[in-house]
Amino acid sequence: MLTTKKTLSLIAFLLLFLSGLNQAWSRSVEKQTVLAVLTLNIARFTSWPEPAFNAEAPLNLCVFGDNIVQQSFEAIDNKKANNKTIHIINLSRLRNLDRCQLLYLSKLDRSRLKPLLMELKTRPVLTVGENMEFLKAGGMVGLEKINGKMQLSINLHAVKQSKLVISSRLLKLANIVDLPARVH
């Protein structure tokens, strides 16, 4: 089991590692695998309210994306986060989300993203996506390459609405935004 200090160091290393990569690498399995590991580590620094799931249940990480994204997340299946075993559920449709404690969304059209995030906004589901538009639509954690560096951004407004708690240790590594979802 990784200590908190080692896990934070791993997150920082992965963010730096991704900072030097070029645009051609943007959809590769390697990049998506690193994003999966970052998502796992974000889960390790997140606390869910008691009724989110029972003590024996796994932590379900639902993944919506293309085959590359879904294949990459299989690398973290059965890993541990907060004494819970991560169980990856690949989604081809955005249905039955009640079983998800984490939801990773890759390249979802804004017209579908906004209503989905509005539906989830008060549920204890940690939502992770790949850009600032994801956060502006009401997502919680965004992982995006900005000026050649991987940036971790957290929308505190969305996190608070869902009654989730993200460790201050992780918040120190992130760009903190406080964006309520905009209605268009």
N, C-alpha and C. Protein backbone atom coordinates (compact mmCIF):
# COMPACT_ATOMS: atom_id res chain seq x y z
N MET A 1 0.84 -1.18 0.00
CA MET A 1 0.00 0.00 0.00
C MET A 1 0.89 1.25 0.00
N LEU A 2 0.61 2.17 -0.89
CA LEU A 2 1.40 3.39 -0.97
C LEU A 2 1.04 4.32 0.18
N THR A 3 2.05 4.98 0.72
CA THR A 3 1.78 5.98 1.74
C THR A 3 1.25 7.23 1.06
N THR A 4 0.66 8.11 1.86
CA THR A 4 0.12 9.35 1.32
C THR A 4 1.21 10.15 0.62
N LYS A 5 2.37 10.25 1.25
CA LYS A 5 3.47 11.02 0.67
C LYS A 5 3.92 10.41 -0.66
N LYS A 6 4.03 9.09 -0.71
CA LYS A 6 4.44 8.42 -1.95
C LYS A 6 3.38 8.59 -3.04
N THR A 7 2.11 8.52 -2.66
CA THR A 7 1.03 8.67 -3.63
C THR A 7 1.02 10.08 -4.20
N LEU A 8 1.19 11.09 -3.33
CA LEU A 8 1.24 12.47 -3.81
C LEU A 8 2.45 12.67 -4.71
N SER A 9 3.56 12.06 -4.36
CA SER A 9 4.75 12.15 -5.21
C SER A 9 4.49 11.51 -6.57
N LEU A 10 3.79 10.38 -6.58
CA LEU A 10 3.45 9.71 -7.84
C LEU A 10 2.56 10.59 -8.70
N ILE A 11 1.56 11.23 -8.08
CA ILE A 11 0.68 12.13 -8.84
C ILE A 11 1.50 13.27 -9.43
N ALA A 12 2.35 13.88 -8.61
CA ALA A 12 3.17 14.99 -9.10
C ALA A 12 4.08 14.53 -10.23
N PHE A 13 4.70 13.35 -10.08
CA PHE A 13 5.56 12.81 -11.12
C PHE A 13 4.79 12.60 -12.42
N LEU A 14 3.59 11.99 -12.31
CA LEU A 14 2.81 11.73 -13.52
C LEU A 14 2.39 13.02 -14.21
N LEU A 15 2.05 14.05 -13.42
CA LEU A 15 1.70 15.33 -14.02
C LEU A 15 2.90 15.92 -14.76
N LEU A 16 4.09 15.84 -14.16
CA LEU A 16 5.30 16.32 -14.82
C LEU A 16 5.66 15.48 -16.03
N PHE A 17 5.51 14.16 -15.91
CA PHE A 17 5.82 13.24 -16.99
C PHE A 17 5.00 13.58 -18.24
N LEU A 18 3.74 13.85 -18.04
CA LEU A 18 2.88 14.16 -19.18
C LEU A 18 3.15 15.53 -19.78
N SER A 19 3.82 16.41 -19.03
CA SER A 19 3.99 17.78 -19.48
C SER A 19 4.84 17.90 -20.75
N GLY A 20 5.74 16.97 -20.99
CA GLY A 20 6.62 17.08 -22.14
C GLY A 20 6.16 16.34 -23.38
N LEU A 21 4.99 15.79 -23.37
CA LEU A 21 4.54 14.96 -24.48
C LEU A 21 3.90 15.79 -25.59
N ASN A 22 4.07 15.34 -26.84
CA ASN A 22 3.55 16.12 -27.95
C ASN A 22 2.10 15.76 -28.30
N GLN A 23 1.51 16.55 -29.19
CA GLN A 23 0.10 16.41 -29.56
C GLN A 23 -0.21 15.07 -30.20
N ALA A 24 0.72 14.50 -30.94
CA ALA A 24 0.48 13.22 -31.62
C ALA A 24 0.20 12.11 -30.62
N TRP A 25 0.63 12.29 -29.41
CA TRP A 25 0.49 11.28 -28.36
C TRP A 25 -0.88 11.34 -27.70
N SER A 26 -1.68 12.35 -28.04
CA SER A 26 -2.88 12.68 -27.28
C SER A 26 -3.92 11.56 -27.16
N ARG A 27 -4.03 10.64 -28.09
CA ARG A 27 -5.04 9.59 -28.00
C ARG A 27 -4.43 8.20 -27.81
N SER A 28 -3.17 8.15 -27.43
CA SER A 28 -2.52 6.86 -27.33
C SER A 28 -2.93 6.11 -26.07
N VAL A 29 -2.70 4.81 -26.10
CA VAL A 29 -2.98 3.96 -24.95
C VAL A 29 -2.15 4.41 -23.76
N GLU A 30 -0.88 4.78 -23.99
CA GLU A 30 -0.02 5.18 -22.89
C GLU A 30 -0.58 6.39 -22.16
N LYS A 31 -1.01 7.40 -22.89
CA LYS A 31 -1.56 8.60 -22.25
C LYS A 31 -2.81 8.23 -21.47
N GLN A 32 -3.68 7.46 -22.06
CA GLN A 32 -4.92 7.09 -21.38
C GLN A 32 -4.64 6.23 -20.14
N THR A 33 -3.61 5.40 -20.20
CA THR A 33 -3.25 4.59 -19.03
C THR A 33 -2.76 5.49 -17.90
N VAL A 34 -1.96 6.50 -18.23
CA VAL A 34 -1.52 7.45 -17.22
C VAL A 34 -2.71 8.20 -16.64
N LEU A 35 -3.67 8.59 -17.48
CA LEU A 35 -4.87 9.26 -16.98
C LEU A 35 -5.68 8.33 -16.08
N ALA A 36 -5.69 7.05 -16.40
CA ALA A 36 -6.37 6.07 -15.54
C ALA A 36 -5.69 5.99 -14.17
N VAL A 37 -4.36 5.96 -14.16
CA VAL A 37 -3.63 5.91 -12.89
C VAL A 37 -3.86 7.20 -12.10
N LEU A 38 -3.87 8.34 -12.77
CA LEU A 38 -4.17 9.60 -12.08
C LEU A 38 -5.58 9.55 -11.48
N THR A 39 -6.54 8.99 -12.22
CA THR A 39 -7.90 8.87 -11.71
C THR A 39 -7.94 7.99 -10.47
N LEU A 40 -7.21 6.89 -10.49
CA LEU A 40 -7.11 6.02 -9.32
C LEU A 40 -6.55 6.79 -8.12
N ASN A 41 -5.49 7.55 -8.34
CA ASN A 41 -4.89 8.30 -7.24
C ASN A 41 -5.80 9.43 -6.74
N ILE A 42 -6.58 10.02 -7.62
CA ILE A 42 -7.56 11.01 -7.20
C ILE A 42 -8.60 10.34 -6.30
N ALA A 43 -9.02 9.13 -6.66
CA ALA A 43 -9.98 8.38 -5.84
C ALA A 43 -9.40 8.12 -4.45
N ARG A 44 -8.11 7.88 -4.37
CA ARG A 44 -7.47 7.61 -3.08
C ARG A 44 -7.51 8.82 -2.14
N PHE A 45 -7.69 10.00 -2.70
CA PHE A 45 -7.75 11.22 -1.89
C PHE A 45 -9.16 11.80 -1.83
N THR A 46 -10.15 10.96 -2.11
CA THR A 46 -11.54 11.38 -2.07
C THR A 46 -12.29 10.53 -1.06
N SER A 47 -13.19 11.17 -0.32
CA SER A 47 -14.05 10.47 0.63
C SER A 47 -15.50 10.62 0.18
N TRP A 48 -16.22 9.51 0.25
CA TRP A 48 -17.63 9.48 -0.11
C TRP A 48 -18.47 9.49 1.16
N PRO A 49 -19.67 10.07 1.11
CA PRO A 49 -20.54 10.02 2.29
C PRO A 49 -20.98 8.58 2.56
N GLU A 50 -21.30 8.28 3.79
CA GLU A 50 -21.65 6.91 4.21
C GLU A 50 -22.65 6.19 3.30
N PRO A 51 -23.77 6.78 2.93
CA PRO A 51 -24.74 5.99 2.15
C PRO A 51 -24.36 5.74 0.69
N ALA A 52 -23.18 6.16 0.25
CA ALA A 52 -22.80 6.00 -1.16
C ALA A 52 -22.70 4.53 -1.55
N PHE A 53 -22.25 3.67 -0.63
CA PHE A 53 -22.16 2.23 -0.87
C PHE A 53 -21.87 1.54 0.45
N ASN A 54 -22.17 0.26 0.52
CA ASN A 54 -21.93 -0.44 1.78
C ASN A 54 -20.46 -0.81 1.94
N ALA A 55 -20.10 -1.19 3.16
CA ALA A 55 -18.69 -1.43 3.51
C ALA A 55 -18.03 -2.52 2.67
N GLU A 56 -18.77 -3.55 2.28
CA GLU A 56 -18.18 -4.66 1.53
C GLU A 56 -18.15 -4.42 0.02
N ALA A 57 -18.88 -3.45 -0.45
CA ALA A 57 -19.01 -3.21 -1.90
C ALA A 57 -17.71 -2.64 -2.48
N PRO A 58 -17.42 -2.95 -3.75
CA PRO A 58 -16.25 -2.34 -4.40
C PRO A 58 -16.54 -0.87 -4.73
N LEU A 59 -15.51 -0.18 -5.11
CA LEU A 59 -15.64 1.19 -5.57
C LEU A 59 -15.75 1.11 -7.09
N ASN A 60 -16.94 1.34 -7.62
CA ASN A 60 -17.19 1.19 -9.05
C ASN A 60 -16.76 2.43 -9.82
N LEU A 61 -15.80 2.24 -10.72
CA LEU A 61 -15.34 3.30 -11.59
C LEU A 61 -15.89 3.02 -12.98
N CYS A 62 -16.88 3.80 -13.37
CA CYS A 62 -17.51 3.62 -14.68
C CYS A 62 -16.77 4.47 -15.70
N VAL A 63 -16.49 3.89 -16.86
CA VAL A 63 -15.68 4.54 -17.89
C VAL A 63 -16.50 4.63 -19.17
N PHE A 64 -16.67 5.87 -19.66
CA PHE A 64 -17.34 6.09 -20.93
C PHE A 64 -16.33 6.71 -21.88
N GLY A 65 -16.02 6.00 -22.94
CA GLY A 65 -15.06 6.49 -23.92
C GLY A 65 -14.86 5.44 -24.99
N ASP A 66 -13.94 5.73 -25.90
CA ASP A 66 -13.68 4.79 -26.98
C ASP A 66 -12.92 3.56 -26.45
N ASN A 67 -12.62 2.63 -27.34
CA ASN A 67 -11.94 1.40 -26.94
C ASN A 67 -10.57 1.64 -26.30
N ILE A 68 -9.85 2.65 -26.78
CA ILE A 68 -8.54 2.96 -26.21
C ILE A 68 -8.69 3.37 -24.75
N VAL A 69 -9.64 4.23 -24.48
CA VAL A 69 -9.88 4.70 -23.11
C VAL A 69 -10.28 3.53 -22.23
N GLN A 70 -11.24 2.76 -22.67
CA GLN A 70 -11.73 1.65 -21.85
C GLN A 70 -10.65 0.61 -21.61
N GLN A 71 -9.87 0.29 -22.63
CA GLN A 71 -8.77 -0.67 -22.49
C GLN A 71 -7.74 -0.16 -21.49
N SER A 72 -7.45 1.13 -21.51
CA SER A 72 -6.44 1.71 -20.62
C SER A 72 -6.85 1.62 -19.15
N PHE A 73 -8.11 1.76 -18.87
CA PHE A 73 -8.57 1.71 -17.48
C PHE A 73 -8.51 0.30 -16.90
N GLU A 74 -8.43 -0.70 -17.75
CA GLU A 74 -8.34 -2.07 -17.24
C GLU A 74 -7.05 -2.28 -16.44
N ALA A 75 -6.05 -1.42 -16.65
CA ALA A 75 -4.79 -1.52 -15.90
C ALA A 75 -4.98 -1.26 -14.41
N ILE A 76 -6.05 -0.56 -14.03
CA ILE A 76 -6.27 -0.26 -12.61
C ILE A 76 -7.41 -1.08 -12.01
N ASP A 77 -7.99 -1.99 -12.79
CA ASP A 77 -9.05 -2.85 -12.25
C ASP A 77 -8.49 -3.68 -11.10
N ASN A 78 -9.23 -3.79 -10.03
CA ASN A 78 -8.87 -4.54 -8.82
C ASN A 78 -7.77 -3.90 -7.97
N LYS A 79 -7.37 -2.66 -8.28
CA LYS A 79 -6.44 -1.92 -7.42
C LYS A 79 -7.23 -1.42 -6.21
N LYS A 80 -6.53 -0.97 -5.19
CA LYS A 80 -7.16 -0.49 -3.96
C LYS A 80 -7.16 1.02 -3.88
N ALA A 81 -8.25 1.56 -3.34
CA ALA A 81 -8.38 2.98 -3.01
C ALA A 81 -9.22 3.06 -1.75
N ASN A 82 -8.67 3.63 -0.70
CA ASN A 82 -9.40 3.78 0.56
C ASN A 82 -9.96 2.46 1.08
N ASN A 83 -9.14 1.42 1.07
CA ASN A 83 -9.54 0.09 1.52
C ASN A 83 -10.69 -0.51 0.72
N LYS A 84 -10.90 0.00 -0.46
CA LYS A 84 -11.92 -0.53 -1.39
C LYS A 84 -11.21 -1.04 -2.63
N THR A 85 -11.75 -2.08 -3.20
CA THR A 85 -11.23 -2.58 -4.47
C THR A 85 -11.92 -1.84 -5.60
N ILE A 86 -11.13 -1.32 -6.52
CA ILE A 86 -11.68 -0.63 -7.70
C ILE A 86 -12.22 -1.69 -8.65
N HIS A 87 -13.43 -1.47 -9.10
CA HIS A 87 -14.05 -2.34 -10.11
C HIS A 87 -14.38 -1.47 -11.32
N ILE A 88 -13.77 -1.77 -12.45
CA ILE A 88 -13.99 -1.00 -13.68
C ILE A 88 -15.24 -1.52 -14.38
N ILE A 89 -16.11 -0.59 -14.73
CA ILE A 89 -17.31 -0.91 -15.51
C ILE A 89 -17.25 -0.07 -16.78
N ASN A 90 -17.05 -0.72 -17.92
CA ASN A 90 -17.03 -0.01 -19.20
C ASN A 90 -18.46 0.21 -19.66
N LEU A 91 -18.75 1.47 -20.00
CA LEU A 91 -20.09 1.84 -20.42
C LEU A 91 -20.12 2.11 -21.93
N SER A 92 -21.09 1.54 -22.60
CA SER A 92 -21.31 1.89 -24.00
C SER A 92 -22.44 2.91 -24.10
N ARG A 93 -23.26 2.95 -23.06
CA ARG A 93 -24.36 3.93 -22.95
C ARG A 93 -24.33 4.53 -21.55
N LEU A 94 -24.82 5.72 -21.44
CA LEU A 94 -24.83 6.40 -20.15
C LEU A 94 -26.13 6.09 -19.41
N ARG A 95 -26.23 4.84 -18.98
CA ARG A 95 -27.40 4.37 -18.24
C ARG A 95 -26.94 3.67 -16.97
N ASN A 96 -27.88 3.47 -16.04
CA ASN A 96 -27.61 2.75 -14.78
C ASN A 96 -26.41 3.33 -14.04
N LEU A 97 -26.35 4.65 -13.94
CA LEU A 97 -25.22 5.30 -13.29
C LEU A 97 -25.30 5.24 -11.77
N ASP A 98 -26.40 4.73 -11.23
CA ASP A 98 -26.54 4.60 -9.78
C ASP A 98 -25.49 3.66 -9.20
N ARG A 99 -24.96 2.79 -10.01
CA ARG A 99 -23.95 1.83 -9.52
C ARG A 99 -22.54 2.42 -9.52
N CYS A 100 -22.37 3.64 -10.02
CA CYS A 100 -21.05 4.26 -10.15
C CYS A 100 -20.75 5.20 -8.98
N GLN A 101 -19.55 5.06 -8.40
CA GLN A 101 -19.06 6.04 -7.44
C GLN A 101 -18.09 7.01 -8.11
N LEU A 102 -17.47 6.57 -9.19
CA LEU A 102 -16.61 7.40 -10.03
C LEU A 102 -17.10 7.25 -11.46
N LEU A 103 -17.02 8.34 -12.21
CA LEU A 103 -17.42 8.31 -13.61
C LEU A 103 -16.38 9.07 -14.42
N TYR A 104 -15.66 8.36 -15.30
CA TYR A 104 -14.68 8.97 -16.17
C TYR A 104 -15.32 9.14 -17.54
N LEU A 105 -15.37 10.38 -18.01
CA LEU A 105 -16.01 10.69 -19.30
C LEU A 105 -14.97 11.23 -20.27
N SER A 106 -14.84 10.58 -21.41
CA SER A 106 -13.88 10.99 -22.42
C SER A 106 -14.62 11.44 -23.68
N LYS A 107 -14.34 12.67 -24.06
CA LYS A 107 -14.82 13.20 -25.34
C LYS A 107 -16.33 13.06 -25.55
N LEU A 108 -17.09 13.45 -24.54
CA LEU A 108 -18.55 13.43 -24.65
C LEU A 108 -19.01 14.79 -25.17
N ASP A 109 -19.86 14.79 -26.18
CA ASP A 109 -20.39 16.01 -26.77
C ASP A 109 -21.05 16.87 -25.70
N ARG A 110 -20.80 18.18 -25.75
CA ARG A 110 -21.33 19.11 -24.73
C ARG A 110 -22.85 19.03 -24.60
N SER A 111 -23.54 18.79 -25.70
CA SER A 111 -25.01 18.71 -25.64
C SER A 111 -25.48 17.51 -24.82
N ARG A 112 -24.65 16.48 -24.71
CA ARG A 112 -24.97 15.31 -23.88
C ARG A 112 -24.34 15.43 -22.49
N LEU A 113 -23.20 16.13 -22.42
CA LEU A 113 -22.47 16.25 -21.17
C LEU A 113 -23.21 17.08 -20.13
N LYS A 114 -23.68 18.26 -20.51
CA LYS A 114 -24.34 19.16 -19.56
C LYS A 114 -25.55 18.52 -18.88
N PRO A 115 -26.48 17.93 -19.63
CA PRO A 115 -27.63 17.31 -18.94
C PRO A 115 -27.23 16.15 -18.03
N LEU A 116 -26.23 15.40 -18.44
CA LEU A 116 -25.76 14.28 -17.62
C LEU A 116 -25.19 14.80 -16.30
N LEU A 117 -24.33 15.80 -16.37
CA LEU A 117 -23.73 16.34 -15.15
C LEU A 117 -24.76 17.04 -14.28
N MET A 118 -25.77 17.65 -14.87
CA MET A 118 -26.85 18.26 -14.08
C MET A 118 -27.63 17.17 -13.34
N GLU A 119 -27.84 16.04 -13.99
CA GLU A 119 -28.55 14.92 -13.37
C GLU A 119 -27.75 14.35 -12.19
N LEU A 120 -26.43 14.36 -12.29
CA LEU A 120 -25.57 13.77 -11.27
C LEU A 120 -25.13 14.75 -10.18
N LYS A 121 -25.44 16.03 -10.32
CA LYS A 121 -24.79 17.05 -9.49
C LYS A 121 -24.97 16.88 -7.98
N THR A 122 -26.04 16.27 -7.52
CA THR A 122 -26.21 16.09 -6.08
C THR A 122 -25.96 14.65 -5.63
N ARG A 123 -25.56 13.80 -6.55
CA ARG A 123 -25.25 12.41 -6.21
C ARG A 123 -23.77 12.27 -5.85
N PRO A 124 -23.43 11.32 -4.99
CA PRO A 124 -22.03 11.14 -4.61
C PRO A 124 -21.23 10.36 -5.67
N VAL A 125 -21.10 10.97 -6.84
CA VAL A 125 -20.37 10.37 -7.95
C VAL A 125 -19.27 11.34 -8.35
N LEU A 126 -18.02 10.92 -8.19
CA LEU A 126 -16.88 11.74 -8.58
C LEU A 126 -16.75 11.69 -10.09
N THR A 127 -16.90 12.84 -10.75
CA THR A 127 -16.82 12.89 -12.21
C THR A 127 -15.45 13.44 -12.63
N VAL A 128 -14.83 12.72 -13.56
CA VAL A 128 -13.50 13.09 -14.06
C VAL A 128 -13.57 13.18 -15.57
N GLY A 129 -13.00 14.24 -16.12
CA GLY A 129 -12.99 14.43 -17.57
C GLY A 129 -11.66 14.98 -18.03
N GLU A 130 -11.61 15.38 -19.30
CA GLU A 130 -10.32 15.67 -19.92
C GLU A 130 -10.06 17.12 -20.30
N ASN A 131 -10.90 18.07 -19.86
CA ASN A 131 -10.59 19.45 -20.20
C ASN A 131 -11.39 20.45 -19.36
N MET A 132 -11.08 21.74 -19.54
CA MET A 132 -11.74 22.80 -18.78
C MET A 132 -13.22 22.91 -19.14
N GLU A 133 -13.58 22.60 -20.38
CA GLU A 133 -15.00 22.62 -20.76
C GLU A 133 -15.80 21.63 -19.92
N PHE A 134 -15.17 20.52 -19.57
CA PHE A 134 -15.80 19.53 -18.70
C PHE A 134 -16.14 20.17 -17.35
N LEU A 135 -15.21 20.93 -16.80
CA LEU A 135 -15.45 21.61 -15.52
C LEU A 135 -16.53 22.68 -15.65
N LYS A 136 -16.50 23.43 -16.73
CA LYS A 136 -17.50 24.48 -16.95
C LYS A 136 -18.90 23.90 -17.09
N ALA A 137 -19.00 22.67 -17.58
CA ALA A 137 -20.29 22.00 -17.73
C ALA A 137 -20.79 21.42 -16.41
N GLY A 138 -19.94 21.46 -15.35
CA GLY A 138 -20.35 20.95 -14.05
C GLY A 138 -19.56 19.74 -13.58
N GLY A 139 -18.53 19.34 -14.32
CA GLY A 139 -17.68 18.24 -13.91
C GLY A 139 -16.83 18.60 -12.71
N MET A 140 -16.30 17.60 -12.03
CA MET A 140 -15.56 17.83 -10.79
C MET A 140 -14.05 17.92 -10.97
N VAL A 141 -13.46 16.98 -11.72
CA VAL A 141 -12.01 16.94 -11.88
C VAL A 141 -11.69 16.92 -13.37
N GLY A 142 -10.84 17.83 -13.77
CA GLY A 142 -10.40 17.90 -15.16
C GLY A 142 -8.90 17.67 -15.26
N LEU A 143 -8.51 16.84 -16.22
CA LEU A 143 -7.10 16.57 -16.50
C LEU A 143 -6.85 17.06 -17.92
N GLU A 144 -5.99 18.08 -18.06
CA GLU A 144 -5.82 18.68 -19.38
C GLU A 144 -4.38 19.14 -19.56
N LYS A 145 -3.89 18.98 -20.78
CA LYS A 145 -2.56 19.47 -21.13
C LYS A 145 -2.70 20.94 -21.51
N ILE A 146 -2.02 21.80 -20.75
CA ILE A 146 -2.07 23.25 -20.99
C ILE A 146 -0.63 23.75 -21.08
N ASN A 147 -0.31 24.45 -22.17
CA ASN A 147 1.04 24.98 -22.38
C ASN A 147 2.10 23.91 -22.19
N GLY A 148 1.82 22.71 -22.69
CA GLY A 148 2.78 21.63 -22.63
C GLY A 148 2.86 20.90 -21.31
N LYS A 149 2.03 21.26 -20.35
CA LYS A 149 2.04 20.62 -19.03
C LYS A 149 0.67 20.06 -18.70
N MET A 150 0.65 18.91 -18.01
CA MET A 150 -0.60 18.32 -17.57
C MET A 150 -1.09 19.09 -16.35
N GLN A 151 -2.32 19.57 -16.42
CA GLN A 151 -2.91 20.35 -15.34
C GLN A 151 -4.07 19.56 -14.71
N LEU A 152 -4.06 19.45 -13.41
CA LEU A 152 -5.15 18.87 -12.64
C LEU A 152 -5.98 20.04 -12.13
N SER A 153 -7.25 20.09 -12.49
CA SER A 153 -8.15 21.15 -12.04
C SER A 153 -9.33 20.52 -11.33
N ILE A 154 -9.76 21.16 -10.24
CA ILE A 154 -10.87 20.65 -9.46
C ILE A 154 -11.91 21.75 -9.29
N ASN A 155 -13.16 21.42 -9.63
CA ASN A 155 -14.29 22.33 -9.49
C ASN A 155 -14.89 22.11 -8.10
N LEU A 156 -14.52 22.96 -7.15
CA LEU A 156 -14.97 22.79 -5.76
C LEU A 156 -16.48 22.91 -5.63
N HIS A 157 -17.11 23.76 -6.41
CA HIS A 157 -18.57 23.90 -6.35
C HIS A 157 -19.25 22.56 -6.63
N ALA A 158 -18.82 21.89 -7.68
CA ALA A 158 -19.42 20.60 -8.05
C ALA A 158 -19.13 19.54 -6.99
N VAL A 159 -17.92 19.52 -6.45
CA VAL A 159 -17.55 18.54 -5.42
C VAL A 159 -18.43 18.73 -4.18
N LYS A 160 -18.59 19.97 -3.74
CA LYS A 160 -19.38 20.25 -2.54
C LYS A 160 -20.85 19.87 -2.73
N GLN A 161 -21.40 20.12 -3.91
CA GLN A 161 -22.80 19.76 -4.17
C GLN A 161 -23.05 18.27 -4.02
N SER A 162 -22.07 17.48 -4.34
CA SER A 162 -22.23 16.02 -4.30
C SER A 162 -21.92 15.42 -2.94
N LYS A 163 -21.50 16.27 -2.00
CA LYS A 163 -21.17 15.83 -0.63
C LYS A 163 -19.90 14.97 -0.57
N LEU A 164 -19.08 15.05 -1.61
CA LEU A 164 -17.78 14.38 -1.61
C LEU A 164 -16.76 15.29 -0.93
N VAL A 165 -15.68 14.70 -0.44
CA VAL A 165 -14.61 15.48 0.17
C VAL A 165 -13.30 15.06 -0.49
N ILE A 166 -12.58 16.04 -1.02
CA ILE A 166 -11.27 15.79 -1.61
C ILE A 166 -10.23 16.31 -0.64
N SER A 167 -9.24 15.49 -0.35
CA SER A 167 -8.19 15.82 0.61
C SER A 167 -7.49 17.13 0.26
N SER A 168 -7.18 17.89 1.29
CA SER A 168 -6.45 19.14 1.08
C SER A 168 -5.08 18.89 0.47
N ARG A 169 -4.51 17.71 0.71
CA ARG A 169 -3.21 17.37 0.12
C ARG A 169 -3.29 17.33 -1.40
N LEU A 170 -4.39 16.80 -1.93
CA LEU A 170 -4.57 16.77 -3.38
C LEU A 170 -4.93 18.16 -3.89
N LEU A 171 -5.74 18.87 -3.14
CA LEU A 171 -6.13 20.22 -3.56
C LEU A 171 -4.92 21.13 -3.74
N LYS A 172 -3.87 20.91 -2.94
CA LYS A 172 -2.65 21.72 -3.05
C LYS A 172 -1.95 21.51 -4.40
N LEU A 173 -2.13 20.34 -5.01
CA LEU A 173 -1.51 20.05 -6.31
C LEU A 173 -2.35 20.53 -7.49
N ALA A 174 -3.58 20.93 -7.21
CA ALA A 174 -4.54 21.21 -8.28
C ALA A 174 -4.75 22.71 -8.50
N ASN A 175 -5.24 23.01 -9.68
CA ASN A 175 -5.77 24.34 -9.98
C ASN A 175 -7.22 24.31 -9.49
N ILE A 176 -7.55 25.13 -8.50
CA ILE A 176 -8.89 25.11 -7.91
C ILE A 176 -9.77 26.12 -8.64
N VAL A 177 -10.91 25.65 -9.10
CA VAL A 177 -11.91 26.52 -9.70
C VAL A 177 -13.21 26.32 -8.93
N ASP A 178 -14.05 27.30 -8.95
CA ASP A 178 -15.32 27.21 -8.24
C ASP A 178 -16.42 27.64 -9.22
N LEU A 179 -16.74 26.73 -10.13
CA LEU A 179 -17.64 27.04 -11.24
C LEU A 179 -18.98 26.34 -11.11
N PRO A 180 -20.05 27.09 -10.84
CA PRO A 180 -21.35 26.43 -10.98
C PRO A 180 -21.60 26.16 -12.45
N ALA A 181 -22.32 25.09 -12.75
CA ALA A 181 -22.63 24.76 -14.15
C ALA A 181 -23.44 25.89 -14.75
N ARG A 182 -23.06 26.29 -15.95
CA ARG A 182 -23.79 27.35 -16.65
C ARG A 182 -24.97 26.76 -17.41
N VAL A 183 -26.08 27.45 -17.37
CA VAL A 183 -27.24 27.01 -18.13
C VAL A 183 -27.27 27.79 -19.44
N HIS A 184 -27.29 27.06 -20.55
CA HIS A 184 -27.33 27.70 -21.89
C HIS A 184 -28.59 27.34 -22.59
